[in-house]
């Protein structure tokens, strides 16, 4: 029970922190990323949470900044088509 309580408390703290640092549009984008790619969304949430907890975030994250962070975190896909 104690581990479950700790996990629930951490998730609540993370959710509250993200609500404070993300604009409405950025939060909506994070929700869409979570639906499309949960692994990248979790990485992004942890990254933003760590930045917030360490005091490195001076202003709210808007949609454009979130896109930039996503480009850094998500692996780039290079499609190469070969014709024979």
N, C-alpha and C. Protein backbone atom coordinates (compact mmCIF):
# COMPACT_ATOMS: atom_id res chain seq x y z
N UNK A 1 0.82 -1.20 0.00
CA UNK A 1 0.00 0.00 0.00
C UNK A 1 0.86 1.26 0.00
N UNK A 2 1.95 1.24 0.72
CA UNK A 2 2.78 2.42 0.83
C UNK A 2 3.37 2.82 -0.51
N UNK A 3 3.80 1.84 -1.30
CA UNK A 3 4.36 2.11 -2.61
C UNK A 3 3.29 2.70 -3.53
N UNK A 4 2.10 2.14 -3.49
CA UNK A 4 1.00 2.67 -4.31
C UNK A 4 0.66 4.10 -3.92
N UNK A 5 0.69 4.38 -2.62
CA UNK A 5 0.41 5.73 -2.15
C UNK A 5 1.47 6.71 -2.63
N UNK A 6 2.73 6.28 -2.58
CA UNK A 6 3.83 7.13 -3.04
C UNK A 6 3.71 7.42 -4.53
N UNK A 7 3.37 6.41 -5.29
CA UNK A 7 3.22 6.59 -6.74
C UNK A 7 2.07 7.54 -7.03
N UNK A 8 0.96 7.36 -6.34
CA UNK A 8 -0.19 8.24 -6.55
C UNK A 8 0.13 9.67 -6.15
N UNK A 9 0.87 9.84 -5.06
CA UNK A 9 1.25 11.18 -4.61
C UNK A 9 2.18 11.84 -5.62
N UNK A 10 3.14 11.07 -6.15
CA UNK A 10 4.05 11.60 -7.16
C UNK A 10 3.30 12.01 -8.42
N UNK A 11 2.38 11.16 -8.88
CA UNK A 11 1.60 11.47 -10.08
C UNK A 11 0.77 12.74 -9.88
N UNK A 12 0.20 12.90 -8.69
CA UNK A 12 -0.59 14.10 -8.40
C UNK A 12 0.30 15.34 -8.40
N UNK A 13 1.48 15.23 -7.83
CA UNK A 13 2.42 16.35 -7.80
C UNK A 13 2.88 16.70 -9.21
N UNK A 14 3.17 15.66 -10.02
CA UNK A 14 3.60 15.89 -11.39
C UNK A 14 2.50 16.56 -12.20
N UNK A 15 1.28 16.09 -12.04
CA UNK A 15 0.14 16.66 -12.76
C UNK A 15 -0.07 18.13 -12.39
N UNK A 16 0.01 18.43 -11.11
CA UNK A 16 -0.16 19.80 -10.64
C UNK A 16 0.95 20.71 -11.17
N UNK A 17 2.18 20.20 -11.15
CA UNK A 17 3.31 20.98 -11.65
C UNK A 17 3.17 21.26 -13.13
N UNK A 18 2.79 20.25 -13.90
CA UNK A 18 2.61 20.44 -15.34
C UNK A 18 1.48 21.43 -15.63
N UNK A 19 0.43 21.39 -14.82
CA UNK A 19 -0.67 22.33 -15.01
C UNK A 19 -0.20 23.77 -14.80
N UNK A 20 0.76 23.96 -13.90
CA UNK A 20 1.26 25.30 -13.61
C UNK A 20 2.23 25.82 -14.68
N UNK A 21 3.00 24.92 -15.32
CA UNK A 21 4.05 25.38 -16.23
C UNK A 21 3.64 25.36 -17.70
N UNK A 22 2.53 24.69 -18.04
CA UNK A 22 2.10 24.61 -19.43
C UNK A 22 0.92 25.54 -19.71
N UNK A 23 0.96 26.20 -20.87
CA UNK A 23 -0.21 26.95 -21.29
C UNK A 23 -1.30 25.97 -21.70
N UNK A 24 -2.49 26.48 -21.93
CA UNK A 24 -3.62 25.62 -22.30
C UNK A 24 -3.32 24.87 -23.60
N UNK A 25 -2.77 25.58 -24.59
CA UNK A 25 -2.47 24.95 -25.88
C UNK A 25 -1.39 23.88 -25.73
N UNK A 26 -0.37 24.16 -24.92
CA UNK A 26 0.70 23.19 -24.71
C UNK A 26 0.18 21.95 -23.98
N UNK A 27 -0.72 22.15 -23.03
CA UNK A 27 -1.30 21.02 -22.32
C UNK A 27 -2.14 20.16 -23.26
N UNK A 28 -2.86 20.81 -24.17
CA UNK A 28 -3.64 20.06 -25.16
C UNK A 28 -2.72 19.25 -26.08
N UNK A 29 -1.61 19.85 -26.50
CA UNK A 29 -0.66 19.13 -27.36
C UNK A 29 -0.07 17.94 -26.60
N UNK A 30 0.26 18.13 -25.33
CA UNK A 30 0.79 17.03 -24.54
C UNK A 30 -0.22 15.89 -24.46
N UNK A 31 -1.49 16.23 -24.34
CA UNK A 31 -2.53 15.20 -24.32
C UNK A 31 -2.59 14.43 -25.62
N UNK A 32 -2.45 15.14 -26.74
CA UNK A 32 -2.46 14.46 -28.05
C UNK A 32 -1.23 13.59 -28.23
N UNK A 33 -0.08 14.08 -27.76
CA UNK A 33 1.15 13.28 -27.84
C UNK A 33 1.00 12.03 -26.99
N UNK A 34 0.36 12.17 -25.84
CA UNK A 34 0.16 11.03 -24.95
C UNK A 34 -0.68 9.95 -25.62
N UNK A 35 -1.66 10.36 -26.41
CA UNK A 35 -2.48 9.39 -27.13
C UNK A 35 -1.70 8.71 -28.25
N UNK A 36 -0.89 9.49 -28.96
CA UNK A 36 -0.18 8.97 -30.12
C UNK A 36 1.08 8.19 -29.74
N UNK A 37 1.81 8.70 -28.74
CA UNK A 37 3.08 8.08 -28.38
C UNK A 37 3.30 8.23 -26.87
N UNK A 38 2.79 7.30 -26.08
CA UNK A 38 2.87 7.42 -24.61
C UNK A 38 4.29 7.47 -24.06
N UNK A 39 5.23 6.80 -24.73
CA UNK A 39 6.61 6.78 -24.23
C UNK A 39 7.23 8.16 -24.32
N UNK A 40 7.07 8.83 -25.46
CA UNK A 40 7.61 10.17 -25.64
C UNK A 40 6.91 11.14 -24.69
N UNK A 41 5.61 10.98 -24.49
CA UNK A 41 4.87 11.86 -23.59
C UNK A 41 5.38 11.71 -22.15
N UNK A 42 5.67 10.50 -21.73
CA UNK A 42 6.20 10.28 -20.38
C UNK A 42 7.57 10.92 -20.23
N UNK A 43 8.41 10.78 -21.24
CA UNK A 43 9.73 11.42 -21.21
C UNK A 43 9.59 12.94 -21.11
N UNK A 44 8.67 13.48 -21.89
CA UNK A 44 8.44 14.92 -21.89
C UNK A 44 7.94 15.39 -20.54
N UNK A 45 6.99 14.67 -19.96
CA UNK A 45 6.47 15.03 -18.64
C UNK A 45 7.58 15.03 -17.59
N UNK A 46 8.40 13.99 -17.60
CA UNK A 46 9.49 13.91 -16.61
C UNK A 46 10.50 15.03 -16.82
N UNK A 47 10.81 15.34 -18.07
CA UNK A 47 11.76 16.41 -18.38
C UNK A 47 11.23 17.75 -17.86
N UNK A 48 9.97 18.05 -18.16
CA UNK A 48 9.38 19.31 -17.71
C UNK A 48 9.28 19.35 -16.18
N UNK A 49 8.94 18.24 -15.57
CA UNK A 49 8.84 18.17 -14.11
C UNK A 49 10.20 18.44 -13.47
N UNK A 50 11.25 17.83 -14.01
CA UNK A 50 12.59 18.03 -13.47
C UNK A 50 13.04 19.48 -13.64
N UNK A 51 12.76 20.07 -14.81
CA UNK A 51 13.12 21.48 -15.01
C UNK A 51 12.40 22.37 -14.01
N UNK A 52 11.14 22.10 -13.78
CA UNK A 52 10.36 22.90 -12.84
C UNK A 52 10.87 22.74 -11.41
N UNK A 53 11.15 21.51 -11.00
CA UNK A 53 11.61 21.26 -9.65
C UNK A 53 12.99 21.86 -9.38
N UNK A 54 13.82 21.91 -10.42
CA UNK A 54 15.17 22.46 -10.23
C UNK A 54 15.19 23.99 -10.37
N UNK A 55 14.05 24.58 -10.71
CA UNK A 55 13.96 26.04 -10.82
C UNK A 55 14.49 26.60 -12.12
N UNK A 56 14.65 25.77 -13.13
CA UNK A 56 15.19 26.24 -14.40
C UNK A 56 14.14 26.84 -15.32
N UNK A 57 12.86 26.64 -14.99
CA UNK A 57 11.80 27.23 -15.81
C UNK A 57 11.47 28.62 -15.25
N UNK A 58 11.71 29.63 -16.06
CA UNK A 58 11.44 31.00 -15.63
C UNK A 58 10.08 31.48 -16.09
N UNK A 59 9.54 30.85 -17.13
CA UNK A 59 8.25 31.26 -17.68
C UNK A 59 7.47 30.02 -18.10
N UNK A 60 6.21 30.22 -18.42
CA UNK A 60 5.37 29.09 -18.84
C UNK A 60 5.80 28.58 -20.20
N UNK A 61 5.59 27.30 -20.42
CA UNK A 61 5.91 26.66 -21.69
C UNK A 61 4.69 26.80 -22.60
N UNK A 62 4.89 27.46 -23.75
CA UNK A 62 3.78 27.58 -24.69
C UNK A 62 3.90 26.49 -25.75
N UNK A 63 2.98 26.49 -26.70
CA UNK A 63 2.92 25.44 -27.70
C UNK A 63 4.19 25.39 -28.55
N UNK A 64 4.71 26.55 -28.93
CA UNK A 64 5.90 26.60 -29.77
C UNK A 64 7.12 26.01 -29.04
N UNK A 65 7.27 26.36 -27.77
CA UNK A 65 8.40 25.82 -27.00
C UNK A 65 8.25 24.32 -26.80
N UNK A 66 7.01 23.87 -26.61
CA UNK A 66 6.76 22.44 -26.44
C UNK A 66 7.13 21.69 -27.72
N UNK A 67 6.82 22.27 -28.86
CA UNK A 67 7.20 21.64 -30.14
C UNK A 67 8.71 21.51 -30.25
N UNK A 68 9.44 22.56 -29.84
CA UNK A 68 10.90 22.51 -29.90
C UNK A 68 11.45 21.40 -29.00
N UNK A 69 10.89 21.29 -27.79
CA UNK A 69 11.34 20.24 -26.87
C UNK A 69 11.01 18.86 -27.44
N UNK A 70 9.83 18.73 -28.04
CA UNK A 70 9.45 17.45 -28.64
C UNK A 70 10.39 17.06 -29.77
N UNK A 71 10.82 18.03 -30.57
CA UNK A 71 11.75 17.73 -31.65
C UNK A 71 13.08 17.21 -31.12
N UNK A 72 13.49 17.70 -29.97
CA UNK A 72 14.74 17.23 -29.37
C UNK A 72 14.57 15.84 -28.77
N UNK A 73 13.44 15.62 -28.09
CA UNK A 73 13.23 14.35 -27.39
C UNK A 73 12.85 13.19 -28.30
N UNK A 74 12.05 13.47 -29.33
CA UNK A 74 11.57 12.38 -30.17
C UNK A 74 12.63 12.02 -31.20
N UNK A 75 12.78 10.75 -31.43
CA UNK A 75 13.77 10.32 -32.42
C UNK A 75 13.36 10.77 -33.82
N UNK A 76 14.33 11.25 -34.56
CA UNK A 76 14.01 11.71 -35.91
C UNK A 76 13.83 10.49 -36.82
N UNK A 77 12.82 10.59 -37.64
CA UNK A 77 12.55 9.51 -38.58
C UNK A 77 13.00 9.94 -39.96
N UNK A 78 13.86 9.14 -40.52
CA UNK A 78 14.32 9.42 -41.88
C UNK A 78 13.81 8.29 -42.76
N UNK A 79 12.99 8.67 -43.69
CA UNK A 79 12.44 7.68 -44.60
C UNK A 79 13.27 7.71 -45.88
N UNK A 80 13.74 6.54 -46.23
CA UNK A 80 14.56 6.44 -47.43
C UNK A 80 13.87 5.45 -48.36
N UNK A 81 13.54 5.92 -49.54
CA UNK A 81 12.86 5.07 -50.51
C UNK A 81 13.85 4.76 -51.62
N UNK A 82 14.03 3.47 -51.86
CA UNK A 82 14.91 3.04 -52.95
C UNK A 82 14.07 2.42 -54.03
N UNK A 83 14.29 2.85 -55.23
CA UNK A 83 13.60 2.27 -56.37
C UNK A 83 14.54 1.30 -57.07
N UNK A 84 13.97 0.22 -57.51
CA UNK A 84 14.81 -0.78 -58.21
C UNK A 84 14.42 -0.87 -59.65
